[in-house]
Amino acid sequence: MEIELDVATDIDALMLDMRRFAGLLRLIKQAKIAQNYEDLALQLQSDSSARTVDNARKCFSMTFMGTSGGLTDQYVYAEDGSVDDALSGEYEELLKKLTDFANGTA
């Protein structure tokens, strides 16, 4: 799935990406992190000030730290236990977009 929106300038796109990524996080049993992203998306919806955006960047940076077994080492699995290539690809694409956003390079 190709995601074309620029999260650096489009808060609505950022919120959609955050919510979709949260849904994928739930599939890989990361419900607490997913809830944090959904909460951040709601904060951005009600307040898209530079301060709130900066807070979102900091929160992403903290969860994207590249430790073994972290969010960067995850795959989405199908019900039969095999890797779901489509959802894993979407997960990786959103992870990259949100990491770029967190680093200010998006």
N, C-alpha and C. Protein backbone atom coordinates (compact mmCIF):
# COMPACT_ATOMS: atom_id res chain seq x y z
N MET A 1 0.86 -1.18 0.00
CA MET A 1 0.00 0.00 0.00
C MET A 1 0.90 1.23 0.00
N GLU A 2 0.76 2.09 -0.96
CA GLU A 2 1.57 3.30 -1.09
C GLU A 2 0.91 4.45 -0.34
N ILE A 3 1.66 5.11 0.52
CA ILE A 3 1.14 6.23 1.29
C ILE A 3 1.83 7.49 0.78
N GLU A 4 1.07 8.41 0.20
CA GLU A 4 1.62 9.55 -0.51
C GLU A 4 1.64 10.86 0.28
N LEU A 5 0.96 10.93 1.40
CA LEU A 5 0.80 12.20 2.10
C LEU A 5 2.05 12.60 2.86
N ASP A 6 2.29 13.90 2.98
CA ASP A 6 3.46 14.45 3.66
C ASP A 6 3.09 14.80 5.09
N VAL A 7 3.54 14.00 6.06
CA VAL A 7 3.16 14.23 7.45
C VAL A 7 3.81 15.47 8.03
N ALA A 8 4.87 15.98 7.42
CA ALA A 8 5.54 17.16 7.96
C ALA A 8 4.66 18.39 7.89
N THR A 9 3.76 18.45 6.92
CA THR A 9 2.94 19.65 6.74
C THR A 9 1.45 19.38 6.86
N ASP A 10 1.02 18.16 6.93
CA ASP A 10 -0.39 17.83 6.91
C ASP A 10 -0.77 17.10 8.20
N ILE A 11 -1.31 17.83 9.16
CA ILE A 11 -1.68 17.26 10.45
C ILE A 11 -2.72 16.17 10.29
N ASP A 12 -3.68 16.36 9.37
CA ASP A 12 -4.69 15.33 9.16
C ASP A 12 -4.06 14.03 8.68
N ALA A 13 -3.10 14.13 7.77
CA ALA A 13 -2.40 12.94 7.28
C ALA A 13 -1.61 12.29 8.41
N LEU A 14 -0.98 13.10 9.23
CA LEU A 14 -0.23 12.58 10.36
C LEU A 14 -1.14 11.80 11.30
N MET A 15 -2.31 12.37 11.61
CA MET A 15 -3.24 11.70 12.51
C MET A 15 -3.72 10.38 11.91
N LEU A 16 -4.01 10.36 10.61
CA LEU A 16 -4.43 9.12 9.96
C LEU A 16 -3.32 8.08 10.02
N ASP A 17 -2.09 8.50 9.75
CA ASP A 17 -0.96 7.57 9.81
C ASP A 17 -0.77 7.04 11.23
N MET A 18 -0.91 7.90 12.21
CA MET A 18 -0.77 7.48 13.60
C MET A 18 -1.85 6.47 13.97
N ARG A 19 -3.06 6.71 13.55
CA ARG A 19 -4.16 5.80 13.88
C ARG A 19 -3.99 4.46 13.17
N ARG A 20 -3.58 4.50 11.91
CA ARG A 20 -3.36 3.25 11.18
C ARG A 20 -2.20 2.47 11.80
N PHE A 21 -1.13 3.16 12.14
CA PHE A 21 0.02 2.51 12.77
C PHE A 21 -0.40 1.91 14.11
N ALA A 22 -1.23 2.62 14.86
CA ALA A 22 -1.74 2.11 16.14
C ALA A 22 -2.52 0.81 15.92
N GLY A 23 -3.32 0.77 14.86
CA GLY A 23 -4.05 -0.46 14.54
C GLY A 23 -3.12 -1.62 14.26
N LEU A 24 -2.05 -1.34 13.52
CA LEU A 24 -1.06 -2.39 13.24
C LEU A 24 -0.31 -2.79 14.51
N LEU A 25 -0.04 -1.83 15.38
CA LEU A 25 0.61 -2.16 16.65
C LEU A 25 -0.25 -3.10 17.48
N ARG A 26 -1.56 -2.91 17.44
CA ARG A 26 -2.45 -3.81 18.17
C ARG A 26 -2.34 -5.24 17.63
N LEU A 27 -2.16 -5.37 16.31
CA LEU A 27 -2.03 -6.69 15.71
C LEU A 27 -0.75 -7.40 16.15
N ILE A 28 0.27 -6.65 16.52
CA ILE A 28 1.52 -7.26 16.97
C ILE A 28 1.64 -7.22 18.49
N LYS A 29 0.50 -7.09 19.14
CA LYS A 29 0.42 -7.17 20.61
C LYS A 29 1.17 -6.04 21.31
N GLN A 30 1.07 -4.84 20.76
CA GLN A 30 1.66 -3.64 21.37
C GLN A 30 0.55 -2.64 21.71
N ALA A 31 -0.44 -3.12 22.46
CA ALA A 31 -1.64 -2.33 22.73
C ALA A 31 -1.34 -1.04 23.51
N LYS A 32 -0.40 -1.09 24.44
CA LYS A 32 -0.11 0.11 25.24
C LYS A 32 0.48 1.21 24.37
N ILE A 33 1.43 0.85 23.51
CA ILE A 33 2.02 1.84 22.61
C ILE A 33 0.96 2.33 21.63
N ALA A 34 0.12 1.42 21.14
CA ALA A 34 -0.96 1.80 20.23
C ALA A 34 -1.87 2.84 20.88
N GLN A 35 -2.23 2.61 22.14
CA GLN A 35 -3.10 3.56 22.84
C GLN A 35 -2.42 4.91 22.98
N ASN A 36 -1.12 4.91 23.25
CA ASN A 36 -0.38 6.18 23.35
C ASN A 36 -0.45 6.95 22.03
N TYR A 37 -0.31 6.25 20.90
CA TYR A 37 -0.37 6.92 19.59
C TYR A 37 -1.77 7.44 19.31
N GLU A 38 -2.78 6.67 19.69
CA GLU A 38 -4.15 7.14 19.50
C GLU A 38 -4.41 8.37 20.36
N ASP A 39 -3.91 8.38 21.58
CA ASP A 39 -4.06 9.55 22.45
C ASP A 39 -3.35 10.77 21.86
N LEU A 40 -2.15 10.56 21.32
CA LEU A 40 -1.42 11.66 20.67
C LEU A 40 -2.19 12.20 19.48
N ALA A 41 -2.79 11.30 18.70
CA ALA A 41 -3.57 11.74 17.54
C ALA A 41 -4.74 12.61 17.98
N LEU A 42 -5.40 12.23 19.07
CA LEU A 42 -6.50 13.04 19.59
C LEU A 42 -6.01 14.40 20.07
N GLN A 43 -4.84 14.43 20.70
CA GLN A 43 -4.27 15.71 21.13
C GLN A 43 -4.01 16.61 19.93
N LEU A 44 -3.44 16.03 18.87
CA LEU A 44 -3.16 16.81 17.67
C LEU A 44 -4.45 17.31 17.01
N GLN A 45 -5.50 16.49 17.09
CA GLN A 45 -6.77 16.89 16.50
C GLN A 45 -7.33 18.12 17.22
N SER A 46 -7.17 18.18 18.53
CA SER A 46 -7.71 19.31 19.28
C SER A 46 -6.74 20.48 19.38
N ASP A 47 -5.45 20.21 19.19
CA ASP A 47 -4.44 21.26 19.30
C ASP A 47 -3.26 20.92 18.40
N SER A 48 -3.20 21.56 17.25
CA SER A 48 -2.12 21.28 16.29
C SER A 48 -1.02 22.34 16.35
N SER A 49 -0.85 22.91 17.53
CA SER A 49 0.19 23.92 17.71
C SER A 49 1.58 23.29 17.55
N ALA A 50 2.56 24.15 17.34
CA ALA A 50 3.95 23.68 17.20
C ALA A 50 4.39 22.90 18.45
N ARG A 51 3.93 23.32 19.59
CA ARG A 51 4.29 22.65 20.84
C ARG A 51 3.76 21.22 20.88
N THR A 52 2.51 21.02 20.47
CA THR A 52 1.92 19.69 20.46
C THR A 52 2.59 18.81 19.42
N VAL A 53 2.89 19.37 18.25
CA VAL A 53 3.59 18.62 17.21
C VAL A 53 4.97 18.21 17.71
N ASP A 54 5.66 19.12 18.38
CA ASP A 54 6.98 18.81 18.92
C ASP A 54 6.89 17.71 19.97
N ASN A 55 5.85 17.75 20.79
CA ASN A 55 5.64 16.70 21.79
C ASN A 55 5.44 15.35 21.11
N ALA A 56 4.67 15.33 20.02
CA ALA A 56 4.47 14.08 19.27
C ALA A 56 5.79 13.57 18.73
N ARG A 57 6.61 14.45 18.18
CA ARG A 57 7.94 14.05 17.68
C ARG A 57 8.77 13.40 18.79
N LYS A 58 8.77 13.99 19.96
CA LYS A 58 9.54 13.45 21.08
C LYS A 58 9.02 12.08 21.51
N CYS A 59 7.71 11.95 21.55
CA CYS A 59 7.12 10.65 21.93
C CYS A 59 7.49 9.58 20.93
N PHE A 60 7.43 9.91 19.64
CA PHE A 60 7.82 8.95 18.61
C PHE A 60 9.28 8.57 18.76
N SER A 61 10.12 9.56 18.95
CA SER A 61 11.56 9.29 19.07
C SER A 61 11.84 8.30 20.19
N MET A 62 11.13 8.44 21.29
CA MET A 62 11.35 7.55 22.43
C MET A 62 10.93 6.12 22.12
N THR A 63 9.85 5.93 21.37
CA THR A 63 9.38 4.57 21.09
C THR A 63 10.08 3.93 19.90
N PHE A 64 10.75 4.73 19.07
CA PHE A 64 11.41 4.18 17.89
C PHE A 64 12.88 3.84 18.12
N MET A 65 13.35 3.94 19.35
CA MET A 65 14.75 3.62 19.60
C MET A 65 15.02 2.21 19.11
N GLY A 66 16.06 2.04 18.33
CA GLY A 66 16.34 0.78 17.65
C GLY A 66 16.98 -0.29 18.52
N THR A 67 16.27 -0.75 19.52
CA THR A 67 16.79 -1.84 20.34
C THR A 67 16.28 -3.17 19.81
N SER A 68 16.98 -4.22 20.11
CA SER A 68 16.58 -5.55 19.69
C SER A 68 15.20 -5.86 20.26
N GLY A 69 14.31 -6.33 19.41
CA GLY A 69 12.96 -6.63 19.83
C GLY A 69 12.06 -5.41 19.90
N GLY A 70 12.57 -4.24 19.52
CA GLY A 70 11.78 -3.01 19.53
C GLY A 70 10.84 -2.94 18.34
N LEU A 71 10.27 -1.79 18.14
CA LEU A 71 9.30 -1.63 17.06
C LEU A 71 9.90 -1.84 15.67
N THR A 72 11.20 -1.66 15.53
CA THR A 72 11.82 -1.83 14.21
C THR A 72 12.02 -3.30 13.85
N ASP A 73 11.91 -4.19 14.81
CA ASP A 73 12.13 -5.62 14.58
C ASP A 73 10.82 -6.41 14.59
N GLN A 74 9.76 -5.84 14.08
CA GLN A 74 8.44 -6.47 14.17
C GLN A 74 7.90 -6.82 12.79
N TYR A 75 7.08 -7.86 12.76
CA TYR A 75 6.34 -8.24 11.56
C TYR A 75 4.89 -8.45 11.98
N VAL A 76 3.99 -8.26 11.03
CA VAL A 76 2.58 -8.55 11.27
C VAL A 76 2.33 -9.95 10.73
N TYR A 77 1.71 -10.78 11.54
CA TYR A 77 1.48 -12.17 11.18
C TYR A 77 0.01 -12.42 10.83
N ALA A 78 -0.18 -13.34 9.88
CA ALA A 78 -1.53 -13.78 9.51
C ALA A 78 -2.03 -14.75 10.58
N GLU A 79 -3.30 -15.10 10.50
CA GLU A 79 -3.89 -16.00 11.49
C GLU A 79 -3.22 -17.37 11.49
N ASP A 80 -2.67 -17.79 10.34
CA ASP A 80 -2.02 -19.10 10.26
C ASP A 80 -0.58 -19.09 10.78
N GLY A 81 -0.11 -17.94 11.26
CA GLY A 81 1.23 -17.83 11.81
C GLY A 81 2.29 -17.40 10.83
N SER A 82 1.94 -17.29 9.56
CA SER A 82 2.91 -16.83 8.57
C SER A 82 2.96 -15.30 8.56
N VAL A 83 4.07 -14.77 8.07
CA VAL A 83 4.19 -13.31 7.98
C VAL A 83 3.20 -12.80 6.94
N ASP A 84 2.44 -11.79 7.31
CA ASP A 84 1.53 -11.12 6.37
C ASP A 84 2.34 -10.05 5.66
N ASP A 85 2.77 -10.36 4.44
CA ASP A 85 3.67 -9.46 3.71
C ASP A 85 3.06 -8.09 3.46
N ALA A 86 1.78 -8.04 3.13
CA ALA A 86 1.13 -6.76 2.83
C ALA A 86 1.08 -5.88 4.08
N LEU A 87 0.61 -6.43 5.18
CA LEU A 87 0.51 -5.64 6.41
C LEU A 87 1.89 -5.33 6.99
N SER A 88 2.83 -6.26 6.86
CA SER A 88 4.19 -5.99 7.33
C SER A 88 4.82 -4.88 6.50
N GLY A 89 4.55 -4.87 5.20
CA GLY A 89 5.05 -3.80 4.34
C GLY A 89 4.45 -2.46 4.72
N GLU A 90 3.15 -2.45 5.00
CA GLU A 90 2.50 -1.21 5.43
C GLU A 90 3.07 -0.75 6.77
N TYR A 91 3.29 -1.70 7.67
CA TYR A 91 3.88 -1.39 8.98
C TYR A 91 5.25 -0.73 8.79
N GLU A 92 6.10 -1.33 7.96
CA GLU A 92 7.44 -0.78 7.73
C GLU A 92 7.38 0.60 7.09
N GLU A 93 6.46 0.79 6.16
CA GLU A 93 6.32 2.09 5.50
C GLU A 93 5.88 3.17 6.48
N LEU A 94 4.89 2.84 7.30
CA LEU A 94 4.43 3.81 8.31
C LEU A 94 5.51 4.05 9.36
N LEU A 95 6.22 3.02 9.75
CA LEU A 95 7.31 3.18 10.71
C LEU A 95 8.35 4.15 10.16
N LYS A 96 8.69 4.01 8.90
CA LYS A 96 9.67 4.91 8.28
C LYS A 96 9.14 6.34 8.23
N LYS A 97 7.87 6.50 7.80
CA LYS A 97 7.29 7.84 7.74
C LYS A 97 7.26 8.51 9.11
N LEU A 98 6.83 7.77 10.11
CA LEU A 98 6.72 8.36 11.44
C LEU A 98 8.10 8.58 12.06
N THR A 99 9.06 7.73 11.73
CA THR A 99 10.44 7.95 12.19
C THR A 99 11.01 9.21 11.54
N ASP A 100 10.76 9.37 10.24
CA ASP A 100 11.21 10.59 9.56
C ASP A 100 10.56 11.83 10.18
N PHE A 101 9.28 11.73 10.50
CA PHE A 101 8.58 12.83 11.16
C PHE A 101 9.24 13.12 12.51
N ALA A 102 9.50 12.08 13.29
CA ALA A 102 10.11 12.26 14.60
C ALA A 102 11.48 12.91 14.51
N ASN A 103 12.22 12.58 13.45
CA ASN A 103 13.56 13.14 13.26
C ASN A 103 13.54 14.49 12.56
N GLY A 104 12.35 14.94 12.15
CA GLY A 104 12.25 16.22 11.46
C GLY A 104 12.72 16.18 10.02
N THR A 105 12.77 14.98 9.43
CA THR A 105 13.24 14.84 8.05
C THR A 105 12.12 14.55 7.07
N ALA A 106 10.89 14.50 7.55
CA ALA A 106 9.76 14.20 6.65
C ALA A 106 9.33 15.46 5.93
